[in-house]
Amino acid sequence: MPELDQPEDVLVDVTPVAPPPRSRRRLWRTVTAVAVLGAAAFGVAFADNFADLGAYRYDPPKTFDGLPFVPEASKAKQSRVGSESGVSATTYLAGDQQRMVFLTVSERHIFLPSSELDDLLSRQRSNGEEIADLHEVDPGDRGGVMKCGRADAEGHAIAVCDWADGSMWGMYSETAEDVDAVAAHARDFRRQAEVPS
């Protein structure tokens, strides 16, 4: 019998075909939704920090706790701390010079007051200013964080309270030994000197 013409074996590719690529629109929507939810959660978690940024400005009173403001002493102290922009010094002195209050304040937006206060205390230590019995105290109605302790300034016992809030950091020092009383004075001073922006 004559051979029938048979078509040659046809090779068929049996490799599975990849499905057509999906649209990446769904992926980007998911990524965007996660980013928006993350930003919202961050905003809620740190809402107080955002609200406190720049809420107050520094305007020291002309007298504090019966002590008059002393511009000459403030200028002398200012010359020692003036290397940093926005830093101001304020001094109050009793007529008999037995009681003195001096402050150094820097106005700035502070997002994390506790971190800023730790940096301030670290700078003080590196400058040789040792504060003994340093402990956290109630910062008062202006908020933020405040730590107080005892120090020695040129042979005189002083109490020191350092604070930081969303608007500024400050160092309140008074010739006194009672740290709790000085903490109360520092809160009172902040109430008078930190005025709404």
C-alpha atoms as a PDB file:
ATOM      1  CA  MET A   1       0.000   0.000   0.000  1.00  0.00           C
ATOM      2  CA  PRO A   2       1.147   3.209  -0.823  1.00  0.00           C
ATOM      3  CA  GLU A   3       2.176   5.225   2.007  1.00  0.00           C
ATOM      4  CA  LEU A   4      -0.225   7.837   2.867  1.00  0.00           C
ATOM      5  CA  ASP A   5       1.138  11.166   3.219  1.00  0.00           C
ATOM      6  CA  GLN A   6       1.193  11.726   6.874  1.00  0.00           C
ATOM      7  CA  PRO A   7       2.029  15.175   8.126  1.00  0.00           C
ATOM      8  CA  GLU A   8       5.166  15.221  10.029  1.00  0.00           C
ATOM      9  CA  ASP A   9       4.853  15.211  13.728  1.00  0.00           C
ATOM     10  CA  VAL A  10       4.009  18.669  14.832  1.00  0.00           C
ATOM     11  CA  LEU A  11       5.708  19.868  17.925  1.00  0.00           C
ATOM     12  CA  VAL A  12       3.359  21.471  20.326  1.00  0.00           C
ATOM     13  CA  ASP A  13       4.675  23.712  23.080  1.00  0.00           C
ATOM     14  CA  VAL A  14       3.104  22.544  26.301  1.00  0.00           C
ATOM     15  CA  THR A  15       4.793  25.134  28.547  1.00  0.00           C
ATOM     16  CA  PRO A  16       2.114  26.798  30.619  1.00  0.00           C
ATOM     17  CA  VAL A  17       1.405  30.324  29.590  1.00  0.00           C
ATOM     18  CA  ALA A  18       1.722  32.956  32.306  1.00  0.00           C
ATOM     19  CA  PRO A  19      -1.448  34.820  33.020  1.00  0.00           C
ATOM     20  CA  PRO A  20      -1.488  38.359  31.756  1.00  0.00           C
ATOM     21  CA  PRO A  21       0.011  40.794  34.276  1.00  0.00           C
ATOM     22  CA  ARG A  22      -2.476  42.215  36.726  1.00  0.00           C
ATOM     23  CA  SER A  23      -2.947  45.873  37.144  1.00  0.00           C
ATOM     24  CA  ARG A  24      -0.828  47.297  39.971  1.00  0.00           C
ATOM     25  CA  ARG A  25      -3.559  49.700  40.840  1.00  0.00           C
ATOM     26  CA  ARG A  26      -4.724  47.483  43.710  1.00  0.00           C
ATOM     27  CA  LEU A  27      -1.197  47.330  45.165  1.00  0.00           C
ATOM     28  CA  TRP A  28      -0.822  51.114  45.081  1.00  0.00           C
ATOM     29  CA  ARG A  29      -4.232  51.616  46.664  1.00  0.00           C
ATOM     30  CA  THR A  30      -3.218  49.292  49.507  1.00  0.00           C
ATOM     31  CA  VAL A  31       0.131  51.049  49.995  1.00  0.00           C
ATOM     32  CA  THR A  32      -1.576  54.459  49.978  1.00  0.00           C
ATOM     33  CA  ALA A  33      -4.221  53.338  52.474  1.00  0.00           C
ATOM     34  CA  VAL A  34      -1.567  51.981  54.853  1.00  0.00           C
ATOM     35  CA  ALA A  35       0.432  55.234  54.583  1.00  0.00           C
ATOM     36  CA  VAL A  36      -2.641  57.379  55.285  1.00  0.00           C
ATOM     37  CA  LEU A  37      -3.633  55.249  58.276  1.00  0.00           C
ATOM     38  CA  GLY A  38      -0.046  55.390  59.595  1.00  0.00           C
ATOM     39  CA  ALA A  39       0.055  59.180  59.284  1.00  0.00           C
ATOM     40  CA  ALA A  40      -3.311  59.483  61.033  1.00  0.00           C
ATOM     41  CA  ALA A  41      -2.170  57.230  63.884  1.00  0.00           C
ATOM     42  CA  PHE A  42       1.052  59.261  64.224  1.00  0.00           C
ATOM     43  CA  GLY A  43      -0.962  62.495  64.323  1.00  0.00           C
ATOM     44  CA  VAL A  44      -3.293  61.161  66.998  1.00  0.00           C
ATOM     45  CA  ALA A  45      -0.437  59.755  69.093  1.00  0.00           C
ATOM     46  CA  PHE A  46       1.496  63.030  69.024  1.00  0.00           C
ATOM     47  CA  ALA A  47      -1.403  65.507  68.858  1.00  0.00           C
ATOM     48  CA  ASP A  48      -0.355  67.190  72.109  1.00  0.00           C
ATOM     49  CA  ASN A  49       3.180  67.671  70.798  1.00  0.00           C
ATOM     50  CA  PHE A  50       1.891  69.337  67.629  1.00  0.00           C
ATOM     51  CA  ALA A  51      -0.505  71.548  69.599  1.00  0.00           C
ATOM     52  CA  ASP A  52       2.252  72.685  71.985  1.00  0.00           C
ATOM     53  CA  LEU A  53       4.723  73.721  69.282  1.00  0.00           C
ATOM     54  CA  GLY A  54       5.202  77.456  69.683  1.00  0.00           C
ATOM     55  CA  ALA A  55       2.175  77.848  71.961  1.00  0.00           C
ATOM     56  CA  TYR A  56       4.056  80.287  74.229  1.00  0.00           C
ATOM     57  CA  ARG A  57       6.681  82.994  73.972  1.00  0.00           C
ATOM     58  CA  TYR A  58       9.077  84.194  76.665  1.00  0.00           C
ATOM     59  CA  ASP A  59       8.213  87.557  78.236  1.00  0.00           C
ATOM     60  CA  PRO A  60       9.781  87.796  81.720  1.00  0.00           C
ATOM     61  CA  PRO A  61       7.965  89.952  84.281  1.00  0.00           C
ATOM     62  CA  LYS A  62       9.559  93.167  85.624  1.00  0.00           C
ATOM     63  CA  THR A  63       9.397  91.740  89.143  1.00  0.00           C
ATOM     64  CA  PHE A  64       9.166  88.168  90.309  1.00  0.00           C
ATOM     65  CA  ASP A  65       8.285  87.039  93.827  1.00  0.00           C
ATOM     66  CA  GLY A  66       9.183  90.489  95.188  1.00  0.00           C
ATOM     67  CA  LEU A  67      12.535  90.583  93.365  1.00  0.00           C
ATOM     68  CA  PRO A  68      13.211  93.288  90.755  1.00  0.00           C
ATOM     69  CA  PHE A  69      14.548  92.507  87.304  1.00  0.00           C
ATOM     70  CA  VAL A  70      18.236  93.524  87.028  1.00  0.00           C
ATOM     71  CA  PRO A  71      19.095  94.400  83.401  1.00  0.00           C
ATOM     72  CA  GLU A  72      22.845  94.828  84.029  1.00  0.00           C
ATOM     73  CA  ALA A  73      23.231  91.367  85.547  1.00  0.00           C
ATOM     74  CA  SER A  74      21.081  89.919  82.769  1.00  0.00           C
ATOM     75  CA  LYS A  75      23.348  91.467  80.115  1.00  0.00           C
ATOM     76  CA  ALA A  76      26.454  90.074  81.825  1.00  0.00           C
ATOM     77  CA  LYS A  77      24.959  86.587  81.898  1.00  0.00           C
ATOM     78  CA  GLN A  78      23.737  87.017  78.314  1.00  0.00           C
ATOM     79  CA  SER A  79      27.309  87.614  77.158  1.00  0.00           C
ATOM     80  CA  ARG A  80      28.296  84.216  78.607  1.00  0.00           C
ATOM     81  CA  VAL A  81      25.473  82.273  76.944  1.00  0.00           C
ATOM     82  CA  GLY A  82      24.990  84.388  73.832  1.00  0.00           C
ATOM     83  CA  SER A  83      26.704  82.027  71.413  1.00  0.00           C
ATOM     84  CA  GLU A  84      23.460  80.156  70.829  1.00  0.00           C
ATOM     85  CA  SER A  85      20.809  81.986  68.813  1.00  0.00           C
ATOM     86  CA  GLY A  86      17.539  82.690  70.607  1.00  0.00           C
ATOM     87  CA  VAL A  87      18.991  82.319  74.106  1.00  0.00           C
ATOM     88  CA  SER A  88      18.165  85.010  76.630  1.00  0.00           C
ATOM     89  CA  ALA A  89      19.261  85.505  80.222  1.00  0.00           C
ATOM     90  CA  THR A  90      17.189  87.068  82.988  1.00  0.00           C
ATOM     91  CA  THR A  91      18.279  87.954  86.526  1.00  0.00           C
ATOM     92  CA  TYR A  92      16.298  88.999  89.608  1.00  0.00           C
ATOM     93  CA  LEU A  93      18.154  90.179  92.701  1.00  0.00           C
ATOM     94  CA  ALA A  94      17.049  91.174  96.217  1.00  0.00           C
ATOM     95  CA  GLY A  95      18.205  94.577  97.479  1.00  0.00           C
ATOM     96  CA  ASP A  96      20.356  92.946 100.177  1.00  0.00           C
ATOM     97  CA  GLN A  97      21.720  90.526  97.529  1.00  0.00           C
ATOM     98  CA  GLN A  98      20.874  87.538  99.723  1.00  0.00           C
ATOM     99  CA  ARG A  99      18.463  86.039  97.213  1.00  0.00           C
ATOM    100  CA  MET A 100      19.022  85.772  93.486  1.00  0.00           C
ATOM    101  CA  VAL A 101      17.049  84.148  90.685  1.00  0.00           C
ATOM    102  CA  PHE A 102      18.661  83.719  87.297  1.00  0.00           C
ATOM    103  CA  LEU A 103      17.320  82.117  84.173  1.00  0.00           C
ATOM    104  CA  THR A 104      18.542  81.092  80.787  1.00  0.00           C
ATOM    105  CA  VAL A 105      15.804  80.475  78.228  1.00  0.00           C
ATOM    106  CA  SER A 106      15.879  79.495  74.571  1.00  0.00           C
ATOM    107  CA  GLU A 107      12.729  79.910  72.515  1.00  0.00           C
ATOM    108  CA  ARG A 108      12.323  77.258  69.821  1.00  0.00           C
ATOM    109  CA  HIS A 109       9.839  74.681  68.583  1.00  0.00           C
ATOM    110  CA  ILE A 110      10.492  71.480  70.525  1.00  0.00           C
ATOM    111  CA  PHE A 111       8.710  68.360  69.318  1.00  0.00           C
ATOM    112  CA  LEU A 112      10.050  65.992  71.994  1.00  0.00           C
ATOM    113  CA  PRO A 113      10.532  67.969  75.231  1.00  0.00           C
ATOM    114  CA  SER A 114      11.918  65.004  77.197  1.00  0.00           C
ATOM    115  CA  SER A 115      14.643  64.450  74.604  1.00  0.00           C
ATOM    116  CA  GLU A 116      15.462  68.176  74.529  1.00  0.00           C
ATOM    117  CA  LEU A 117      15.707  68.243  78.335  1.00  0.00           C
ATOM    118  CA  ASP A 118      18.069  65.261  78.295  1.00  0.00           C
ATOM    119  CA  ASP A 119      20.226  67.102  75.731  1.00  0.00           C
ATOM    120  CA  LEU A 120      20.222  70.243  77.900  1.00  0.00           C
ATOM    121  CA  LEU A 121      21.304  68.290  80.980  1.00  0.00           C
ATOM    122  CA  SER A 122      24.018  66.570  78.945  1.00  0.00           C
ATOM    123  CA  ARG A 123      25.345  69.959  77.764  1.00  0.00           C
ATOM    124  CA  GLN A 124      25.371  71.185  81.371  1.00  0.00           C
ATOM    125  CA  ARG A 125      27.376  68.131  82.477  1.00  0.00           C
ATOM    126  CA  SER A 126      29.856  68.591  79.634  1.00  0.00           C
ATOM    127  CA  ASN A 127      30.330  72.215  80.768  1.00  0.00           C
ATOM    128  CA  GLY A 128      31.191  70.996  84.266  1.00  0.00           C
ATOM    129  CA  GLU A 129      27.850  71.895  85.848  1.00  0.00           C
ATOM    130  CA  GLU A 130      26.942  69.008  88.121  1.00  0.00           C
ATOM    131  CA  ILE A 131      23.399  68.844  89.473  1.00  0.00           C
ATOM    132  CA  ALA A 132      23.002  66.531  92.472  1.00  0.00           C
ATOM    133  CA  ASP A 133      19.791  64.705  93.401  1.00  0.00           C
ATOM    134  CA  LEU A 134      18.293  65.468  89.996  1.00  0.00           C
ATOM    135  CA  HIS A 135      14.711  64.228  89.822  1.00  0.00           C
ATOM    136  CA  GLU A 136      11.601  64.812  87.757  1.00  0.00           C
ATOM    137  CA  VAL A 137       8.974  67.153  89.210  1.00  0.00           C
ATOM    138  CA  ASP A 138       5.539  68.367  88.181  1.00  0.00           C
ATOM    139  CA  PRO A 139       6.110  70.887  85.345  1.00  0.00           C
ATOM    140  CA  GLY A 140       2.950  72.841  86.155  1.00  0.00           C
ATOM    141  CA  ASP A 141       0.193  74.025  83.863  1.00  0.00           C
ATOM    142  CA  ARG A 142       2.573  75.032  81.039  1.00  0.00           C
ATOM    143  CA  GLY A 143       3.336  71.353  80.515  1.00  0.00           C
ATOM    144  CA  GLY A 144       6.447  69.745  79.136  1.00  0.00           C
ATOM    145  CA  VAL A 145       8.936  68.119  81.497  1.00  0.00           C
ATOM    146  CA  MET A 146      10.911  69.556  84.397  1.00  0.00           C
ATOM    147  CA  LYS A 147      13.750  68.182  86.515  1.00  0.00           C
ATOM    148  CA  CYS A 148      15.201  69.799  89.622  1.00  0.00           C
ATOM    149  CA  GLY A 149      18.229  69.271  91.832  1.00  0.00           C
ATOM    150  CA  ARG A 150      20.965  70.979  93.838  1.00  0.00           C
ATOM    151  CA  ALA A 151      24.203  72.517  92.611  1.00  0.00           C
ATOM    152  CA  ASP A 152      27.064  74.704  93.752  1.00  0.00           C
ATOM    153  CA  ALA A 153      27.792  78.048  92.090  1.00  0.00           C
ATOM    154  CA  GLU A 154      30.963  79.785  93.200  1.00  0.00           C
ATOM    155  CA  GLY A 155      30.641  78.402  96.713  1.00  0.00           C
ATOM    156  CA  HIS A 156      26.928  79.139  97.076  1.00  0.00           C
ATOM    157  CA  ALA A 157      24.274  76.434  97.335  1.00  0.00           C
ATOM    158  CA  ILE A 158      21.667  76.808  94.623  1.00  0.00           C
ATOM    159  CA  ALA A 159      18.655  74.837  93.513  1.00  0.00           C
ATOM    160  CA  VAL A 160      18.206  74.336  89.779  1.00  0.00           C
ATOM    161  CA  CYS A 161      15.141  73.428  87.744  1.00  0.00           C
ATOM    162  CA  ASP A 162      15.516  72.737  84.032  1.00  0.00           C
ATOM    163  CA  TRP A 163      12.476  72.394  81.812  1.00  0.00           C
ATOM    164  CA  ALA A 164      11.497  71.904  78.190  1.00  0.00           C
ATOM    165  CA  ASP A 165       8.115  72.241  76.524  1.00  0.00           C
ATOM    166  CA  GLY A 166       6.854  72.744  72.983  1.00  0.00           C
ATOM    167  CA  SER A 167       7.956  76.390  72.914  1.00  0.00           C
ATOM    168  CA  MET A 168      11.255  76.634  74.788  1.00  0.00           C
ATOM    169  CA  TRP A 169      13.782  75.141  77.162  1.00  0.00           C
ATOM    170  CA  GLY A 170      14.898  76.919  80.294  1.00  0.00           C
ATOM    171  CA  MET A 171      17.126  76.761  83.352  1.00  0.00           C
ATOM    172  CA  TYR A 172      15.770  78.322  86.544  1.00  0.00           C
ATOM    173  CA  SER A 173      18.369  78.742  89.316  1.00  0.00           C
ATOM    174  CA  GLU A 174      17.833  80.250  92.743  1.00  0.00           C
ATOM    175  CA  THR A 175      20.089  80.777  95.747  1.00  0.00           C
ATOM    176  CA  ALA A 176      18.244  78.370  98.008  1.00  0.00           C
ATOM    177  CA  GLU A 177      18.620  74.830  99.268  1.00  0.00           C
ATOM    178  CA  ASP A 178      14.995  73.668  99.340  1.00  0.00           C
ATOM    179  CA  VAL A 179      14.551  72.051  95.931  1.00  0.00           C
ATOM    180  CA  ASP A 180      10.787  71.560  96.346  1.00  0.00           C
ATOM    181  CA  ALA A 181      10.273  75.259  97.119  1.00  0.00           C
ATOM    182  CA  VAL A 182      12.387  76.236  94.117  1.00  0.00           C
ATOM    183  CA  ALA A 183      10.380  73.854  91.907  1.00  0.00           C
ATOM    184  CA  ALA A 184       7.225  75.699  93.015  1.00  0.00           C
ATOM    185  CA  HIS A 185       8.924  79.036  92.229  1.00  0.00           C
ATOM    186  CA  ALA A 186       9.962  77.747  88.793  1.00  0.00           C
ATOM    187  CA  ARG A 187       6.372  76.691  88.022  1.00  0.00           C
ATOM    188  CA  ASP A 188       5.132  80.111  89.158  1.00  0.00           C
ATOM    189  CA  PHE A 189       7.757  81.883  87.047  1.00  0.00           C
ATOM    190  CA  ARG A 190       6.799  79.848  83.984  1.00  0.00           C
ATOM    191  CA  ARG A 191       3.142  80.714  84.549  1.00  0.00           C
ATOM    192  CA  GLN A 192       4.058  84.430  84.489  1.00  0.00           C
ATOM    193  CA  ALA A 193       6.801  84.472  81.846  1.00  0.00           C
ATOM    194  CA  GLU A 194       5.440  82.021  79.269  1.00  0.00           C
ATOM    195  CA  VAL A 195       2.678  84.005  77.600  1.00  0.00           C
ATOM    196  CA  PRO A 196       0.462  82.690  74.780  1.00  0.00           C
ATOM    197  CA  SER A 197       1.869  83.347  71.295  1.00  0.00           C
END
